[in-house]
C-alpha atoms as a PDB file:
ATOM      1  CA  MET A   1      25.050  -3.436 -62.983  1.00  0.00           C
ATOM      2  CA  THR A   2      23.995  -6.653 -61.266  1.00  0.00           C
ATOM      3  CA  GLU A   3      20.921  -8.620 -62.297  1.00  0.00           C
ATOM      4  CA  ALA A   4      19.088  -7.350 -59.200  1.00  0.00           C
ATOM      5  CA  GLU A   5      19.933  -3.750 -60.114  1.00  0.00           C
ATOM      6  CA  ILE A   6      18.737  -4.278 -63.675  1.00  0.00           C
ATOM      7  CA  ALA A   7      15.506  -5.843 -62.364  1.00  0.00           C
ATOM      8  CA  ARG A   8      14.871  -2.813 -60.155  1.00  0.00           C
ATOM      9  CA  ALA A   9      15.559  -0.462 -63.047  1.00  0.00           C
ATOM     10  CA  VAL A  10      13.154  -2.413 -65.274  1.00  0.00           C
ATOM     11  CA  ALA A  11      10.460  -2.229 -62.577  1.00  0.00           C
ATOM     12  CA  ALA A  12      10.944   1.525 -62.297  1.00  0.00           C
ATOM     13  CA  LEU A  13      10.426   2.139 -66.009  1.00  0.00           C
ATOM     14  CA  SER A  14       7.542  -0.329 -66.416  1.00  0.00           C
ATOM     15  CA  ARG A  15       3.842   0.485 -66.565  1.00  0.00           C
ATOM     16  CA  PRO A  16       0.598  -1.512 -66.657  1.00  0.00           C
ATOM     17  CA  ALA A  17       0.088  -3.294 -69.958  1.00  0.00           C
ATOM     18  CA  PRO A  18      -3.055  -2.460 -71.946  1.00  0.00           C
ATOM     19  CA  GLU A  19      -6.178  -4.374 -70.981  1.00  0.00           C
ATOM     20  CA  PRO A  20      -6.838  -7.268 -70.757  1.00  0.00           C
ATOM     21  CA  SER A  21      -3.185  -8.131 -70.035  1.00  0.00           C
ATOM     22  CA  PRO A  22      -2.726  -8.633 -66.250  1.00  0.00           C
ATOM     23  CA  PHE A  23       0.992  -7.788 -66.179  1.00  0.00           C
ATOM     24  CA  ARG A  24       3.294  -4.798 -66.594  1.00  0.00           C
ATOM     25  CA  CYS A  25       5.256  -3.872 -69.710  1.00  0.00           C
ATOM     26  CA  ALA A  26       8.232  -1.755 -70.718  1.00  0.00           C
ATOM     27  CA  ALA A  27       9.022   0.065 -73.960  1.00  0.00           C
ATOM     28  CA  GLY A  28      11.746  -1.347 -76.159  1.00  0.00           C
ATOM     29  CA  ARG A  29      13.711   1.893 -76.406  1.00  0.00           C
ATOM     30  CA  ALA A  30      13.791   2.148 -72.620  1.00  0.00           C
ATOM     31  CA  LEU A  31      15.102  -1.424 -72.341  1.00  0.00           C
ATOM     32  CA  GLU A  32      17.739  -0.735 -75.018  1.00  0.00           C
ATOM     33  CA  ALA A  33      18.883   2.376 -73.134  1.00  0.00           C
ATOM     34  CA  LEU A  34      19.078   0.362 -69.919  1.00  0.00           C
ATOM     35  CA  ALA A  35      21.130  -2.318 -71.707  1.00  0.00           C
ATOM     36  CA  ARG A  36      23.622   0.306 -72.870  1.00  0.00           C
ATOM     37  CA  LYS A  37      23.863   1.743 -69.366  1.00  0.00           C
ATOM     38  CA  ALA A  38      24.347  -1.716 -67.849  1.00  0.00           C
ATOM     39  CA  ARG A  39      26.759  -2.707 -70.635  1.00  0.00           C
ATOM     40  CA  VAL A  40      24.884  -5.892 -71.402  1.00  0.00           C
ATOM     41  CA  HIS A  41      23.123  -7.177 -74.498  1.00  0.00           C
ATOM     42  CA  VAL A  42      19.498  -6.033 -74.725  1.00  0.00           C
ATOM     43  CA  LYS A  43      18.467  -9.698 -74.892  1.00  0.00           C
ATOM     44  CA  GLY A  44      19.739 -10.122 -71.338  1.00  0.00           C
ATOM     45  CA  VAL A  45      17.693  -7.155 -70.161  1.00  0.00           C
ATOM     46  CA  GLU A  46      14.566  -8.541 -71.830  1.00  0.00           C
ATOM     47  CA  ILE A  47      15.068 -11.909 -70.143  1.00  0.00           C
ATOM     48  CA  ILE A  48      15.497 -10.248 -66.735  1.00  0.00           C
ATOM     49  CA  ALA A  49      12.344  -8.216 -67.375  1.00  0.00           C
ATOM     50  CA  LEU A  50      10.349 -11.333 -68.239  1.00  0.00           C
ATOM     51  CA  ARG A  51      11.651 -13.175 -65.170  1.00  0.00           C
ATOM     52  CA  ASN A  52      10.265 -10.291 -63.115  1.00  0.00           C
ATOM     53  CA  ALA A  53       6.835 -10.300 -64.786  1.00  0.00           C
ATOM     54  CA  VAL A  54       7.521  -7.294 -67.038  1.00  0.00           C
ATOM     55  CA  ALA A  55       6.867  -7.828 -70.736  1.00  0.00           C
ATOM     56  CA  PRO A  56       8.885  -6.030 -73.404  1.00  0.00           C
ATOM     57  CA  GLU A  57       6.197  -4.218 -75.393  1.00  0.00           C
ATOM     58  CA  ARG A  58       7.323  -5.653 -78.722  1.00  0.00           C
ATOM     59  CA  TYR A  59       6.139  -9.104 -77.575  1.00  0.00           C
ATOM     60  CA  LEU A  60       2.762  -8.068 -76.100  1.00  0.00           C
ATOM     61  CA  ARG A  61       0.796  -9.739 -78.907  1.00  0.00           C
ATOM     62  CA  ASN A  62       2.720 -12.986 -78.388  1.00  0.00           C
ATOM     63  CA  PHE A  63       1.298 -13.653 -74.950  1.00  0.00           C
ATOM     64  CA  ALA A  64      -2.128 -14.928 -75.944  1.00  0.00           C
ATOM     65  CA  GLY A  65      -0.285 -18.041 -77.164  1.00  0.00           C
ATOM     66  CA  PHE A  66       3.083 -17.736 -75.405  1.00  0.00           C
ATOM     67  CA  SER A  67       3.802 -17.758 -71.687  1.00  0.00           C
ATOM     68  CA  PHE A  68       6.560 -15.593 -70.223  1.00  0.00           C
ATOM     69  CA  GLU A  69       8.606 -18.786 -69.882  1.00  0.00           C
ATOM     70  CA  ASP A  70       8.025 -19.515 -73.583  1.00  0.00           C
ATOM     71  CA  GLN A  71       9.354 -16.084 -74.486  1.00  0.00           C
ATOM     72  CA  ILE A  72      12.404 -16.554 -72.257  1.00  0.00           C
ATOM     73  CA  ARG A  73      13.125 -19.914 -73.884  1.00  0.00           C
ATOM     74  CA  LEU A  74      12.805 -18.307 -77.285  1.00  0.00           C
ATOM     75  CA  LEU A  75      15.207 -15.496 -76.388  1.00  0.00           C
ATOM     76  CA  GLU A  76      17.684 -18.111 -75.150  1.00  0.00           C
ATOM     77  CA  SER A  77      17.241 -20.324 -78.219  1.00  0.00           C
ATOM     78  CA  ARG A  78      19.501 -21.082 -81.199  1.00  0.00           C
ATOM     79  CA  ALA A  79      18.361 -21.805 -84.744  1.00  0.00           C
ATOM     80  CA  ALA A  80      20.236 -22.643 -87.947  1.00  0.00           C
ATOM     81  CA  LEU A  81      18.613 -21.392 -91.171  1.00  0.00           C
ATOM     82  CA  LEU A  82      20.042 -22.436 -94.534  1.00  0.00           C
ATOM     83  CA  GLY A  83      18.852 -20.400 -97.507  1.00  0.00           C
ATOM     84  CA  LEU A  84      17.814 -16.732 -97.438  1.00  0.00           C
ATOM     85  CA  GLY A  85      15.669 -16.499-100.531  1.00  0.00           C
ATOM     86  CA  GLY A  86      11.882 -16.656-100.614  1.00  0.00           C
ATOM     87  CA  LEU A  87      11.336 -19.222 -97.878  1.00  0.00           C
ATOM     88  CA  GLY A  88      14.366 -18.300 -95.782  1.00  0.00           C
ATOM     89  CA  GLY A  89      13.931 -14.538 -95.893  1.00  0.00           C
ATOM     90  CA  LEU A  90      10.328 -14.783 -94.711  1.00  0.00           C
ATOM     91  CA  ALA A  91      11.197 -17.376 -92.064  1.00  0.00           C
ATOM     92  CA  LEU A  92      13.975 -15.103 -90.793  1.00  0.00           C
ATOM     93  CA  GLU A  93      11.535 -12.208 -90.596  1.00  0.00           C
ATOM     94  CA  LEU A  94       9.048 -14.192 -88.510  1.00  0.00           C
ATOM     95  CA  LEU A  95      11.653 -15.751 -86.211  1.00  0.00           C
ATOM     96  CA  THR A  96      13.295 -12.385 -85.582  1.00  0.00           C
ATOM     97  CA  ARG A  97      10.047 -10.552 -84.882  1.00  0.00           C
ATOM     98  CA  SER A  98       9.040 -13.335 -82.495  1.00  0.00           C
ATOM     99  CA  GLY A  99      12.244 -12.989 -80.455  1.00  0.00           C
ATOM    100  CA  THR A 100      14.465 -15.907 -81.460  1.00  0.00           C
ATOM    101  CA  GLY A 101      17.688 -15.296 -79.539  1.00  0.00           C
ATOM    102  CA  ARG A 102      20.324 -16.446 -82.012  1.00  0.00           C
ATOM    103  CA  ILE A 103      20.033 -17.378 -85.668  1.00  0.00           C
ATOM    104  CA  ARG A 104      22.893 -18.755 -87.739  1.00  0.00           C
ATOM    105  CA  ALA A 105      21.839 -17.985 -91.319  1.00  0.00           C
ATOM    106  CA  ALA A 106      23.724 -18.830 -94.501  1.00  0.00           C
ATOM    107  CA  ASP A 107      23.460 -18.033 -98.185  1.00  0.00           C
ATOM    108  CA  GLY A 108      26.268 -17.345-100.639  1.00  0.00           C
ATOM    109  CA  ASP A 109      23.972 -15.942-103.318  1.00  0.00           C
ATOM    110  CA  VAL A 110      23.216 -12.357-104.356  1.00  0.00           C
ATOM    111  CA  PHE A 111      19.878 -10.818-105.303  1.00  0.00           C
ATOM    112  CA  GLU A 112      18.677 -10.987-108.904  1.00  0.00           C
ATOM    113  CA  GLU A 113      15.730  -9.201-110.461  1.00  0.00           C
ATOM    114  CA  SER A 114      13.742 -12.455-110.646  1.00  0.00           C
ATOM    115  CA  ASN A 115      13.799 -12.573-106.820  1.00  0.00           C
ATOM    116  CA  LEU A 116      11.657  -9.451-106.482  1.00  0.00           C
ATOM    117  CA  ASN A 117       8.332 -11.267-106.873  1.00  0.00           C
ATOM    118  CA  ARG A 118       8.642 -13.128-103.569  1.00  0.00           C
ATOM    119  CA  GLN A 119      11.824 -12.508-101.551  1.00  0.00           C
ATOM    120  CA  ILE A 120      11.150 -10.098 -98.703  1.00  0.00           C
ATOM    121  CA  LEU A 121      14.834  -9.241 -98.297  1.00  0.00           C
ATOM    122  CA  SER A 122      15.129  -8.110-101.909  1.00  0.00           C
ATOM    123  CA  SER A 123      14.443  -4.701-103.423  1.00  0.00           C
ATOM    124  CA  PRO A 124      15.450  -2.940-106.641  1.00  0.00           C
ATOM    125  CA  GLU A 125      18.199  -1.234-104.645  1.00  0.00           C
ATOM    126  CA  SER A 126      19.588  -4.541-103.346  1.00  0.00           C
ATOM    127  CA  LEU A 127      20.162  -6.213-106.723  1.00  0.00           C
ATOM    128  CA  GLY A 128      23.650  -7.703-106.836  1.00  0.00           C
ATOM    129  CA  GLN A 129      24.034  -7.502-103.055  1.00  0.00           C
ATOM    130  CA  SER A 130      24.661 -10.407-100.689  1.00  0.00           C
ATOM    131  CA  LYS A 131      21.528 -12.110 -99.353  1.00  0.00           C
ATOM    132  CA  ALA A 132      23.287 -12.962 -96.095  1.00  0.00           C
ATOM    133  CA  GLU A 133      24.393  -9.372 -95.595  1.00  0.00           C
ATOM    134  CA  ALA A 134      20.867  -8.109 -96.268  1.00  0.00           C
ATOM    135  CA  ALA A 135      19.529 -10.656 -93.776  1.00  0.00           C
ATOM    136  CA  ALA A 136      21.896  -9.462 -91.061  1.00  0.00           C
ATOM    137  CA  VAL A 137      20.948  -5.820 -91.635  1.00  0.00           C
ATOM    138  CA  ARG A 138      17.222  -6.582 -91.742  1.00  0.00           C
ATOM    139  CA  ALA A 139      17.247  -8.686 -88.579  1.00  0.00           C
ATOM    140  CA  ALA A 140      19.245  -6.093 -86.643  1.00  0.00           C
ATOM    141  CA  SER A 141      16.795  -3.381 -87.670  1.00  0.00           C
ATOM    142  CA  LEU A 142      13.782  -5.465 -86.632  1.00  0.00           C
ATOM    143  CA  ASN A 143      14.869  -6.731 -83.236  1.00  0.00           C
ATOM    144  CA  PRO A 144      18.182  -5.835 -81.541  1.00  0.00           C
ATOM    145  CA  ALA A 145      17.658  -8.662 -79.031  1.00  0.00           C
ATOM    146  CA  CYS A 146      18.163 -11.228 -81.805  1.00  0.00           C
ATOM    147  CA  GLU A 147      21.771 -12.059 -82.652  1.00  0.00           C
ATOM    148  CA  ILE A 148      22.417 -13.008 -86.270  1.00  0.00           C
ATOM    149  CA  GLU A 149      25.460 -14.999 -87.306  1.00  0.00           C
ATOM    150  CA  ALA A 150      25.428 -14.462 -91.063  1.00  0.00           C
ATOM    151  CA  TRP A 151      27.450 -16.817 -93.247  1.00  0.00           C
ATOM    152  CA  ARG A 152      28.071 -14.989 -96.528  1.00  0.00           C
ATOM    153  CA  ARG A 153      28.935 -18.196 -98.359  1.00  0.00           C
ATOM    154  CA  PHE A 154      27.387 -21.414 -99.559  1.00  0.00           C
ATOM    155  CA  VAL A 155      27.329 -24.282 -97.079  1.00  0.00           C
ATOM    156  CA  ASP A 156      28.869 -27.435 -98.520  1.00  0.00           C
ATOM    157  CA  ARG A 157      29.658 -30.999 -97.405  1.00  0.00           C
ATOM    158  CA  GLU A 158      32.715 -29.802 -95.516  1.00  0.00           C
ATOM    159  CA  SER A 159      30.963 -27.001 -93.592  1.00  0.00           C
ATOM    160  CA  VAL A 160      27.451 -28.358 -93.015  1.00  0.00           C
ATOM    161  CA  THR A 161      28.343 -30.085 -89.731  1.00  0.00           C
ATOM    162  CA  ALA A 162      29.715 -26.850 -88.297  1.00  0.00           C
ATOM    163  CA  PHE A 163      26.668 -24.990 -89.607  1.00  0.00           C
ATOM    164  CA  VAL A 164      24.137 -27.054 -87.629  1.00  0.00           C
ATOM    165  CA  GLN A 165      26.327 -27.343 -84.515  1.00  0.00           C
ATOM    166  CA  ASP A 166      24.816 -26.165 -81.207  1.00  0.00           C
ATOM    167  CA  SER A 167      21.429 -25.404 -82.788  1.00  0.00           C
ATOM    168  CA  GLN A 168      18.098 -26.515 -81.385  1.00  0.00           C
ATOM    169  CA  VAL A 169      16.369 -26.586 -84.760  1.00  0.00           C
ATOM    170  CA  VAL A 170      17.638 -26.691 -88.346  1.00  0.00           C
ATOM    171  CA  ILE A 171      15.553 -24.945 -91.002  1.00  0.00           C
ATOM    172  CA  ASP A 172      15.954 -26.066 -94.599  1.00  0.00           C
ATOM    173  CA  ALA A 173      14.920 -23.131 -96.806  1.00  0.00           C
ATOM    174  CA  LEU A 174      16.984 -24.227 -99.794  1.00  0.00           C
ATOM    175  CA  GLY A 175      15.761 -23.885-103.342  1.00  0.00           C
ATOM    176  CA  GLY A 176      16.003 -27.055-105.410  1.00  0.00           C
ATOM    177  CA  LEU A 177      17.697 -30.274-104.328  1.00  0.00           C
ATOM    178  CA  PRO A 178      21.434 -29.518-103.937  1.00  0.00           C
ATOM    179  CA  MET A 179      22.574 -29.769-100.285  1.00  0.00           C
ATOM    180  CA  ARG A 180      19.133 -30.777 -98.972  1.00  0.00           C
ATOM    181  CA  LEU A 181      20.182 -34.358 -98.333  1.00  0.00           C
ATOM    182  CA  GLU A 182      23.506 -33.320 -96.779  1.00  0.00           C
ATOM    183  CA  LEU A 183      21.735 -30.859 -94.486  1.00  0.00           C
ATOM    184  CA  ALA A 184      19.192 -33.493 -93.436  1.00  0.00           C
ATOM    185  CA  GLU A 185      21.982 -35.975 -92.731  1.00  0.00           C
ATOM    186  CA  ALA A 186      23.904 -33.415 -90.656  1.00  0.00           C
ATOM    187  CA  ALA A 187      20.801 -32.586 -88.617  1.00  0.00           C
ATOM    188  CA  ALA A 188      20.106 -36.290 -88.081  1.00  0.00           C
ATOM    189  CA  ALA A 189      23.691 -36.968 -86.999  1.00  0.00           C
ATOM    190  CA  ALA A 190      23.504 -34.097 -84.502  1.00  0.00           C
ATOM    191  CA  ARG A 191      20.057 -35.272 -83.263  1.00  0.00           C
ATOM    192  CA  ILE A 192      18.469 -31.927 -84.135  1.00  0.00           C
ATOM    193  CA  PRO A 193      14.896 -31.577 -85.478  1.00  0.00           C
ATOM    194  CA  LEU A 194      14.699 -30.428 -89.094  1.00  0.00           C
ATOM    195  CA  VAL A 195      11.997 -28.168 -90.541  1.00  0.00           C
ATOM    196  CA  THR A 196      11.956 -28.377 -94.328  1.00  0.00           C
ATOM    197  CA  ALA A 197       9.747 -27.156 -97.165  1.00  0.00           C
ATOM    198  CA  ALA A 198       9.454 -26.652-100.914  1.00  0.00           C
ATOM    199  CA  VAL A 199       7.155 -24.746-103.260  1.00  0.00           C
ATOM    200  CA  ALA A 200       6.203 -25.222-106.906  1.00  0.00           C
ATOM    201  CA  GLY A 201       3.551 -23.016-108.461  1.00  0.00           C
ATOM    202  CA  GLN A 202       0.552 -22.830-106.137  1.00  0.00           C
ATOM    203  CA  THR A 203       1.528 -26.075-104.407  1.00  0.00           C
ATOM    204  CA  GLY A 204       4.001 -26.870-101.684  1.00  0.00           C
ATOM    205  CA  TRP A 205       4.842 -28.968 -98.679  1.00  0.00           C
ATOM    206  CA  VAL A 206       6.242 -28.466 -95.188  1.00  0.00           C
ATOM    207  CA  ALA A 207       7.611 -31.229 -92.963  1.00  0.00           C
ATOM    208  CA  VAL A 208       9.099 -31.551 -89.485  1.00  0.00           C
ATOM    209  CA  VAL A 209      11.638 -34.359 -89.292  1.00  0.00           C
ATOM    210  CA  ALA A 210      12.281 -35.800 -85.831  1.00  0.00           C
ATOM    211  CA  PRO A 211      15.950 -36.217 -84.844  1.00  0.00           C
ATOM    212  CA  GLY A 212      17.427 -39.105 -86.778  1.00  0.00           C
ATOM    213  CA  ALA A 213      14.258 -39.860 -88.773  1.00  0.00           C
ATOM    214  CA  ALA A 214      14.046 -40.091 -92.555  1.00  0.00           C
ATOM    215  CA  SER A 215      13.741 -36.787 -94.399  1.00  0.00           C
ATOM    216  CA  PRO A 216      11.816 -35.982 -97.592  1.00  0.00           C
ATOM    217  CA  ALA A 217      15.206 -35.061 -99.060  1.00  0.00           C
ATOM    218  CA  GLY A 218      16.069 -38.748 -99.139  1.00  0.00           C
ATOM    219  CA  LEU A 219      13.021 -39.474-101.275  1.00  0.00           C
ATOM    220  CA  MET A 220      13.919 -36.700-103.704  1.00  0.00           C
ATOM    221  CA  ALA A 221      17.606 -37.528-104.023  1.00  0.00           C
ATOM    222  CA  SER A 222      17.005 -39.703-107.065  1.00  0.00           C
ATOM    223  CA  ALA A 223      14.910 -37.085-108.900  1.00  0.00           C
ATOM    224  CA  LYS A 224      16.117 -36.244-112.417  1.00  0.00           C
ATOM    225  CA  GLY A 225      15.799 -33.103-114.534  1.00  0.00           C
ATOM    226  CA  GLN A 226      14.922 -29.594-113.468  1.00  0.00           C
ATOM    227  CA  SER A 227      13.424 -29.049-110.027  1.00  0.00           C
ATOM    228  CA  ALA A 228       9.669 -28.514-109.752  1.00  0.00           C
ATOM    229  CA  GLU A 229      10.111 -24.923-108.600  1.00  0.00           C
ATOM    230  CA  ILE A 230      11.937 -24.097-111.848  1.00  0.00           C
ATOM    231  CA  VAL A 231       9.283 -25.775-113.980  1.00  0.00           C
ATOM    232  CA  SER A 232       6.222 -24.406-112.140  1.00  0.00           C
ATOM    233  CA  GLY A 233       7.589 -21.138-110.760  1.00  0.00           C
ATOM    234  CA  THR A 234       7.425 -19.714-107.252  1.00  0.00           C
ATOM    235  CA  PRO A 235       4.628 -17.155-106.832  1.00  0.00           C
ATOM    236  CA  ALA A 236       4.640 -15.185-103.606  1.00  0.00           C
ATOM    237  CA  PRO A 237       1.448 -16.553-101.948  1.00  0.00           C
ATOM    238  CA  ALA A 238       2.642 -20.175-101.935  1.00  0.00           C
ATOM    239  CA  VAL A 239       6.103 -19.133-100.718  1.00  0.00           C
ATOM    240  CA  GLY A 240       4.543 -17.066 -97.936  1.00  0.00           C
ATOM    241  CA  ALA A 241       2.247 -19.893 -96.870  1.00  0.00           C
ATOM    242  CA  ALA A 242       5.085 -22.406 -96.648  1.00  0.00           C
ATOM    243  CA  ALA A 243       7.427 -19.989 -94.859  1.00  0.00           C
ATOM    244  CA  ALA A 244       4.798 -19.124 -92.247  1.00  0.00           C
ATOM    245  CA  ILE A 245       4.123 -22.797 -91.488  1.00  0.00           C
ATOM    246  CA  MET A 246       7.874 -23.461 -91.288  1.00  0.00           C
ATOM    247  CA  ALA A 247       8.406 -20.586 -88.875  1.00  0.00           C
ATOM    248  CA  GLY A 248       5.506 -21.661 -86.684  1.00  0.00           C
ATOM    249  CA  ALA A 249       6.897 -25.180 -86.411  1.00  0.00           C
ATOM    250  CA  ALA A 250      10.404 -23.911 -85.664  1.00  0.00           C
ATOM    251  CA  LEU A 251       9.092 -21.592 -82.942  1.00  0.00           C
ATOM    252  CA  ASP A 252       7.303 -24.546 -81.339  1.00  0.00           C
ATOM    253  CA  VAL A 253      10.543 -26.528 -81.261  1.00  0.00           C
ATOM    254  CA  LEU A 254      12.504 -23.597 -79.838  1.00  0.00           C
ATOM    255  CA  ARG A 255       9.940 -23.151 -77.062  1.00  0.00           C
ATOM    256  CA  GLY A 256      10.259 -26.808 -76.110  1.00  0.00           C
ATOM    257  CA  ARG A 257       6.999 -27.908 -77.684  1.00  0.00           C
ATOM    258  CA  ARG A 258       6.307 -30.640 -80.221  1.00  0.00           C
ATOM    259  CA  PRO A 259       4.872 -29.149 -83.447  1.00  0.00           C
ATOM    260  CA  ALA A 260       1.668 -30.583 -84.845  1.00  0.00           C
ATOM    261  CA  LEU A 261       3.692 -31.580 -87.938  1.00  0.00           C
ATOM    262  CA  TRP A 262       6.226 -33.605 -85.932  1.00  0.00           C
ATOM    263  CA  GLY A 263       7.033 -36.639 -88.115  1.00  0.00           C
ATOM    264  CA  LYS A 264       4.538 -35.464 -90.733  1.00  0.00           C
ATOM    265  CA  MET A 265       4.356 -33.595 -94.014  1.00  0.00           C
ATOM    266  CA  LEU A 266       1.688 -31.030 -94.879  1.00  0.00           C
ATOM    267  CA  LEU A 267       0.923 -30.808 -98.596  1.00  0.00           C
ATOM    268  CA  PHE A 268      -1.066 -27.872 -99.904  1.00  0.00           C
ATOM    269  CA  ASP A 269      -2.516 -26.555-103.151  1.00  0.00           C
ATOM    270  CA  LEU A 270      -3.647 -22.951-102.862  1.00  0.00           C
ATOM    271  CA  ALA A 271      -5.392 -23.074-106.229  1.00  0.00           C
ATOM    272  CA  ASP A 272      -7.854 -25.666-104.866  1.00  0.00           C
ATOM    273  CA  ALA A 273      -7.632 -24.659-101.191  1.00  0.00           C
ATOM    274  CA  ALA A 274      -6.548 -28.256-100.551  1.00  0.00           C
ATOM    275  CA  PHE A 275      -4.497 -29.293 -97.525  1.00  0.00           C
ATOM    276  CA  GLU A 276      -3.460 -32.817 -96.582  1.00  0.00           C
ATOM    277  CA  THR A 277      -1.197 -34.198 -93.884  1.00  0.00           C
ATOM    278  CA  VAL A 278       0.692 -37.466 -94.280  1.00  0.00           C
ATOM    279  CA  LEU A 279       3.104 -39.375 -92.066  1.00  0.00           C
ATOM    280  CA  LEU A 280       6.742 -39.362 -93.079  1.00  0.00           C
END
């Protein structure tokens, strides 16, 4: 089918969106069936629908803050996400539900019982299974328009350049310090914005590093002893707070907008309800 034929088919299956939305919408299952008939990826059908003022129903609640053009940009976007534990699993969930078009995600680890307190991809049934494989399955089940390139291995100095290649944003969801500096350097060399975060106990921080700018990883490179997350633990609320802020910043970048945290770090302490923003 041609794009014009797909557009006509989308129009035929669309209906008025619920009030107060002034546009038409189409059900996801109908768009998936049309994609199979047209022999194209469902993401392409969603983009054609949006270009013709028809909203895929799964994104209806996005449009108070997103324009149709924002959603198209997001569906056409490419993100690189390193780490699929507490921070990364939640970030993947939010990016996928929002309609991020392609996510390269990497983690060579498997689930352990101590992950169950905070890692959304983990379950008692998944213990011992690959985090990257679980991420691919989860993302595909949530949104078939999002393509996941799952790396079932640890990214190292030799592979980090290839990992960030062709991405529009790099998301550092690593636990501890290993590879943080290398990832930041690879993002800087490729002139790609970096969204990074860490959690320890009820505290945490999230930063957005402009292309080529200094990263918090550089400040931490000289740290000695066990990482703060090992010493203070990683309870779910702080992990969720940091992951949500990370995902929001990454979605801004992917839509062509400058996040409020651009060149800044947000520090928070949930125990005291304290939030502070500092320049990097």
